[in-house]
Amino acid sequence: MTVQSDRISSTFAKCRAEGRAALVCFVTGGDPTPQDTAAVLDALVEGGADLIELGMPFTDPMADGPAIQLANLRSLGAGTKTADILAIASTFRQRHPETPLILMGYANPMIRRGAEWFANAAAQAGVDGVICVDIPNEEDAELGPALRASGLHFIRLATPTTDAARLPAVLQGSSGFLYYVSVAGITGKQQAAQTSIEQAVAHLKSGTDLPIAVGFGVRTPEQAAAIGRVADGVVVGSAIVEIVGQHGAHAAPHVKEYVASLRAALEIRETAR
């Protein structure tokens, strides 16, 4: 596909050349307020995040555990709208022209004004890709085509139940990277066994050349390092969101310190090679 500026692919290639997995970090946009999100995003970059997922708050985040549910409630309580998320993305892009930014969320906020409107607005804001949790490929007649037409990656999810028969459908129209949800459950509550992750990554790599990023339940530098030895990317979300929930408007330095510990663990892979 042709994208407006393929920061995602370039970043994975750069990390691969450095002999390490990419660090992908998630935060909920507008948490604790839209005004505070910029500092949290800057802290992610300063701490060493390679790619950032910016969550779009939603009233019914069915795939998310308590930490991200509460973050959604805080954000919505602060009055965050889709326009605020796009504005946050736009100013982020001005400050960080090279760091990939991905919007992650649910279909309703993305399509309520029309898929084409959302895709165009996201592209104009400097977004690189979109993850939509609740539109399976078989029901994606609008959003995916609109995103691709606007030059955005549509990043799809694979799960422990994605078998060889199902994988081609998941991969159809997918680009940027494949996000492997390592547990059949909600975010932040449990982590899959390392052996099962290794088997799943090998299975997915047999079906695609896309980078594989593994998330759900990653909390410690040790967990990140173990996953980073087999996957192309490691996704950390709930643990960062909990830091924001604990420290609120003063979260940025704590987020930076935590993310730096994750990045340092991934760097060990490079020095050990």
Foldseek 3Di string as FASTA:
>chain_A
DFAPDLLLVVLLVVQVVLQWAAEEEEAEQQVLHLVLVLLQVVLLVLLPHQAYEYEYQDQCQPQADDLVNVRSVNRVVNVDAPVSVLVSLLVSCVVPVRRAYEYEEAVCSCQVVHLLVSLQSNVVSVHAAYEHAPAFLVRPPGNLVSNVVSRHFYEFEDELPCDPVNLVSRCVSGDSAHEYEDDPGHADDAGDDLVSLLVVLVRNVVPDPGFYEYEGNDAALVSLLSSTVRGNYYYDYSNLSVLCVVQPSPSSVVSSVRSNSNVVSRSVSSVVD
